[in-house]
Protein backbone atom coordinates (compact mmCIF):
# COMPACT_ATOMS: atom_id res chain seq x y z
CA MET A 1 -79.99 109.54 -61.39
CA ASN A 2 -81.47 106.14 -60.61
CA ASP A 3 -81.15 105.46 -56.87
CA ASN A 4 -82.24 101.87 -57.44
CA ARG A 5 -79.10 100.89 -59.33
CA LEU A 6 -76.67 98.59 -57.56
CA ILE A 7 -73.09 97.59 -58.21
CA VAL A 8 -72.72 93.93 -57.26
CA PHE A 9 -69.40 92.10 -57.12
CA GLU A 10 -67.81 89.07 -55.50
CA LEU A 11 -64.98 89.45 -52.99
CA SER A 12 -62.77 86.49 -52.09
CA GLY A 13 -59.26 85.41 -51.19
CA GLU A 14 -57.13 82.73 -49.58
CA TYR A 15 -57.19 84.36 -46.14
CA GLY A 16 -58.81 87.37 -44.52
CA HIS A 17 -58.69 89.15 -41.18
CA PHE A 18 -61.11 91.88 -40.07
CA ARG A 19 -59.95 92.58 -36.56
CA LYS A 20 -62.45 92.91 -33.75
CA PHE A 21 -62.07 96.23 -31.97
CA ASN A 22 -62.14 94.66 -28.50
CA THR A 23 -59.26 92.18 -28.96
CA THR A 24 -55.65 92.95 -28.10
CA THR A 25 -52.79 90.45 -27.87
CA SER A 26 -54.57 87.63 -29.76
CA PRO A 27 -56.49 89.35 -32.56
CA LEU A 28 -59.84 87.79 -33.45
CA THR A 29 -61.67 88.37 -36.71
CA TYR A 30 -65.22 89.21 -37.68
CA PRO A 31 -66.87 86.60 -39.95
CA ILE A 32 -67.55 89.23 -42.63
CA PRO A 33 -65.87 92.50 -43.62
CA THR A 34 -67.16 95.46 -41.65
CA ARG A 35 -68.80 98.37 -43.41
CA THR A 36 -65.74 100.49 -42.63
CA ALA A 37 -63.46 97.88 -44.23
CA LEU A 38 -65.63 97.86 -47.35
CA THR A 39 -65.40 101.65 -47.71
CA GLY A 40 -61.62 101.35 -47.53
CA LEU A 41 -61.68 98.66 -50.22
CA LEU A 42 -63.79 100.86 -52.49
CA GLY A 43 -61.38 103.71 -51.89
CA ALA A 44 -58.49 101.45 -52.95
CA VAL A 45 -60.31 100.55 -56.16
CA MET A 46 -60.89 104.23 -56.93
CA GLY A 47 -57.38 105.31 -55.94
CA ILE A 48 -58.52 107.60 -53.14
CA GLU A 49 -55.76 108.30 -50.65
CA ARG A 50 -56.88 107.66 -47.09
CA GLU A 51 -54.74 110.54 -45.88
CA THR A 52 -51.57 112.42 -46.82
CA ALA A 53 -50.42 113.40 -43.33
CA PRO A 54 -51.98 113.67 -39.87
CA GLY A 55 -54.81 116.16 -40.13
CA ARG A 56 -54.35 116.63 -43.89
CA PHE A 57 -56.42 114.86 -46.51
CA ALA A 58 -56.22 114.78 -50.29
CA GLY A 59 -59.75 115.84 -51.15
CA LEU A 60 -62.63 114.10 -49.41
CA PRO A 61 -61.46 111.08 -47.37
CA VAL A 62 -63.07 107.71 -48.06
CA GLN A 63 -64.82 107.80 -44.68
CA GLU A 64 -66.90 110.75 -45.87
CA LEU A 65 -67.10 109.89 -49.57
CA PHE A 66 -68.81 106.59 -48.76
CA ASP A 67 -70.62 107.56 -45.55
CA MET A 68 -74.13 106.34 -44.75
CA HIS A 69 -75.79 109.44 -46.23
CA LYS A 70 -74.12 108.93 -49.61
CA CYS A 71 -73.57 105.20 -49.91
CA ASP A 72 -75.50 102.06 -48.93
CA LEU A 73 -73.53 98.84 -48.50
CA ALA A 74 -74.63 95.26 -47.95
CA VAL A 75 -72.59 92.07 -47.77
CA GLN A 76 -73.66 88.47 -48.32
CA LEU A 77 -71.75 85.40 -47.19
CA LEU A 78 -71.11 83.07 -50.17
CA ALA A 79 -69.16 80.35 -48.36
CA PRO A 80 -69.45 78.93 -44.83
CA VAL A 81 -67.31 80.70 -42.26
CA LYS A 82 -64.08 78.80 -41.65
CA LYS A 83 -61.53 80.10 -39.17
CA VAL A 84 -57.92 79.05 -38.56
CA ASN A 85 -55.16 80.31 -36.26
CA MET A 86 -51.78 81.36 -37.61
CA GLY A 87 -48.69 82.81 -35.91
CA PHE A 88 -47.27 86.11 -37.20
CA ASN A 89 -43.71 87.25 -36.49
CA LEU A 90 -43.89 90.88 -35.38
CA LEU A 91 -41.56 93.47 -33.92
CA ASP A 92 -41.50 93.45 -30.14
CA THR A 93 -41.92 97.11 -29.19
CA GLY A 94 -41.85 96.41 -25.46
CA ASN A 95 -38.25 97.62 -25.15
CA SER A 96 -38.42 100.54 -27.55
CA PHE A 97 -41.24 101.70 -29.77
CA PHE A 98 -39.10 104.23 -31.68
CA GLU A 99 -35.82 102.34 -32.18
CA ILE A 100 -36.27 99.25 -34.31
CA ARG A 101 -32.67 98.13 -33.71
CA LYS A 102 -33.50 97.64 -30.04
CA SER A 103 -36.67 95.75 -30.83
CA GLY A 104 -36.66 92.00 -30.87
CA ARG A 105 -39.20 89.68 -32.42
CA THR A 106 -42.37 88.24 -30.97
CA GLN A 107 -44.90 85.80 -32.35
CA ILE A 108 -48.58 86.66 -32.10
CA GLU A 109 -51.34 84.24 -33.03
CA PHE A 110 -54.00 85.69 -35.34
CA GLU A 111 -57.43 84.25 -35.99
CA LEU A 112 -57.97 84.24 -39.77
CA LEU A 113 -60.78 83.53 -42.19
CA LYS A 114 -59.87 80.64 -44.50
CA ASN A 115 -61.05 80.91 -48.14
CA PRO A 116 -63.56 83.68 -47.41
CA SER A 117 -66.04 84.58 -50.14
CA PHE A 118 -68.61 87.37 -50.12
CA ARG A 119 -70.98 89.25 -52.40
CA VAL A 120 -70.97 93.01 -51.94
CA PHE A 121 -73.80 95.40 -52.89
CA VAL A 122 -73.10 99.10 -53.42
CA ARG A 123 -75.71 101.83 -53.86
CA LEU A 124 -74.47 105.40 -54.38
CA ARG A 125 -76.28 108.74 -54.45
CA ASN A 126 -73.58 110.24 -56.69
CA SER A 127 -74.22 108.93 -60.23
CA VAL A 128 -70.81 110.06 -61.53
CA LEU A 129 -68.98 108.19 -58.77
CA PHE A 130 -71.29 105.22 -59.32
CA ASP A 131 -70.35 104.99 -63.02
CA GLN A 132 -66.63 105.41 -62.31
CA LEU A 133 -66.66 102.73 -59.61
CA ALA A 134 -68.70 100.35 -61.76
CA GLU A 135 -66.28 100.73 -64.68
CA ARG A 136 -63.24 100.05 -62.50
CA LEU A 137 -64.83 96.97 -60.92
CA ILE A 138 -66.14 95.54 -64.20
CA THR A 139 -62.83 96.06 -66.04
CA ARG A 140 -60.82 95.09 -62.91
CA SER A 141 -58.70 98.23 -63.25
CA HIS A 142 -58.08 98.84 -59.55
CA HIS A 143 -55.85 101.78 -58.67
CA PHE A 144 -54.47 100.25 -55.47
CA THR A 145 -54.31 96.55 -54.70
CA PRO A 146 -57.39 95.60 -52.64
CA TYR A 147 -56.92 93.25 -49.70
CA LEU A 148 -58.96 91.42 -47.09
CA GLY A 149 -58.22 93.31 -43.91
CA LEU A 150 -54.42 92.88 -43.86
CA SER A 151 -52.06 93.85 -46.68
CA GLN A 152 -50.71 90.28 -46.81
CA PHE A 153 -54.11 88.98 -47.94
CA THR A 154 -54.70 90.13 -51.51
CA ALA A 155 -58.37 90.19 -52.48
CA ILE A 156 -59.94 88.93 -55.69
CA LEU A 157 -62.75 91.14 -57.00
CA GLN A 158 -64.69 89.51 -59.81
CA ASN A 159 -68.06 89.06 -61.52
CA ALA A 160 -68.94 92.74 -61.09
CA THR A 161 -72.21 93.83 -62.62
CA VAL A 162 -74.76 96.63 -62.47
CA THR A 163 -78.31 95.70 -61.65
CA ALA A 164 -81.48 97.44 -60.56
CA GLY A 165 -83.80 96.73 -57.68
CA MET A 166 -86.48 98.38 -55.62
CA MET A 167 -86.96 99.48 -52.05
CA ARG A 168 -89.90 97.67 -50.45
CA ASN A 169 -91.81 98.74 -47.36
CA THR A 170 -94.82 96.42 -47.52
CA ASP A 171 -95.70 94.62 -44.28
CA LEU A 172 -95.28 90.97 -45.27
CA GLY A 173 -94.37 89.62 -41.86
CA TYR A 174 -91.09 87.75 -42.09
CA VAL A 175 -88.97 88.46 -45.18
CA ARG A 176 -86.02 86.27 -46.12
CA ILE A 177 -82.85 88.35 -46.27
CA GLN A 178 -79.77 87.08 -48.10
CA SER A 179 -77.32 89.62 -46.68
CA ALA A 180 -75.97 90.28 -43.19
CA VAL A 181 -78.57 91.93 -40.97
CA ASN A 182 -77.94 95.03 -38.87
CA LEU A 183 -80.14 94.26 -35.87
CA SER A 184 -79.86 97.87 -34.73
CA LEU A 185 -82.15 98.84 -37.64
CA LEU A 186 -84.92 96.37 -36.79
CA ALA A 187 -87.78 97.46 -34.55
CA ALA A 188 -90.15 94.47 -34.61
CA ASN A 189 -90.42 92.10 -31.66
CA PRO A 190 -89.31 89.40 -32.23
CA PRO A 191 -87.33 90.69 -35.22
CA ILE A 192 -85.97 87.31 -36.36
CA GLU A 193 -87.35 83.82 -36.86
CA PHE A 194 -84.43 81.61 -35.90
CA ASP A 195 -83.77 78.20 -37.41
CA GLN A 196 -82.89 75.90 -34.52
CA THR A 197 -80.49 73.91 -36.75
CA ALA A 198 -78.60 76.97 -38.04
CA HIS A 199 -75.45 78.56 -36.64
CA TYR A 200 -75.45 82.34 -36.31
CA TYR A 201 -72.85 85.01 -35.57
CA VAL A 202 -73.94 88.21 -33.83
CA GLU A 203 -71.17 90.78 -33.63
CA THR A 204 -70.87 94.40 -32.54
CA MET A 205 -69.25 96.02 -35.57
CA PRO A 206 -68.08 99.52 -36.43
CA ILE A 207 -70.45 101.01 -39.00
CA GLU A 208 -69.10 104.48 -39.59
CA LEU A 209 -65.84 106.40 -39.04
CA SER A 210 -65.09 110.11 -38.84
CA ARG A 211 -62.36 111.61 -41.01
CA ASP A 212 -60.07 111.24 -37.99
CA ARG A 213 -60.76 107.49 -38.06
CA VAL A 214 -62.80 107.54 -34.86
CA VAL A 215 -65.79 105.18 -34.79
CA THR A 216 -68.99 107.24 -34.64
CA ARG A 217 -71.51 104.41 -35.03
CA TYR A 218 -71.65 100.74 -34.05
CA GLY A 219 -74.22 98.13 -34.98
CA GLU A 220 -75.24 94.62 -33.90
CA VAL A 221 -74.84 92.54 -37.06
CA LEU A 222 -76.17 89.00 -37.54
CA VAL A 223 -75.13 86.53 -40.23
CA ASP A 224 -75.88 82.87 -40.87
CA ALA A 225 -72.51 81.08 -40.61
CA ASN A 226 -73.35 78.84 -43.58
CA GLY A 227 -74.50 81.68 -45.81
CA GLY A 228 -78.20 80.91 -45.56
CA SER A 229 -80.99 83.46 -45.67
CA VAL A 230 -82.40 84.93 -42.44
CA PRO A 231 -86.17 85.56 -41.96
CA VAL A 232 -86.62 89.01 -40.39
CA GLN A 233 -89.43 91.43 -39.72
CA THR A 234 -88.48 94.78 -41.22
CA SER A 235 -90.33 97.85 -42.41
CA GLU A 236 -87.96 98.36 -45.37
CA TRP A 237 -85.69 96.19 -47.47
CA PHE A 238 -84.16 96.20 -50.95
CA GLU A 239 -85.41 93.65 -53.45
CA THR A 240 -83.17 92.54 -56.33
CA PRO A 241 -84.32 90.37 -59.23
CA ASP A 242 -81.18 88.21 -59.33
CA PHE A 243 -79.85 88.16 -55.77
CA GLY A 244 -82.92 88.14 -53.53
CA ASN A 245 -83.68 90.55 -50.68
CA ILE A 246 -80.94 92.49 -48.89
CA LEU A 247 -80.59 94.90 -45.99
CA PHE A 248 -78.00 97.65 -45.99
CA LEU A 249 -75.64 97.87 -43.02
């Protein structure tokens, strides 16, 4: 197999919400989909059931099929981050969690991404799975409907292609990276050359889940809010001929 092949596709929609793990009554959103959300989206495209019942899985769950040892994922912001607040009518489970008839309604304000647009890069060790996923994305024959964090927000997956790149580990000082940057993987000091006129997001994001959907790895992820490139010092990055340099989450 060729480990340097990438599946590249664009991911967009009218709204999106990727809930921060440390918010409760007023859910806030990450500016980009987390790695765990992307694995779920790929599972939806392939028709892989997340689970059949508590403790029972149909084959290998998506958390393990696309884990960090088998799959590399990167995400690039294609449009500036725009957030809006919107009220959602939900069941009030304060009186009774198990009896819906006793539950009233409550309105919770969600922070949403407005017109989000991303480019996603997928690198798989399994060449058979790679070819199957590429075919489904290119022909837009998704098994389940993909969405942007919440089932109300249908996702548009388009412009999928297969390209080839190369891992680089030459010491060039600062390298411009087009994708989101996992700061936890950088060792240089200082690792980033900041643009004083740019606006950055730095978020603690879940990177990997166990099959029981317990977060086993977090990462500090940085992204330019306007989708610009970020100069970083790194010992290894992936160079693509058409999309620039990327770092996997």
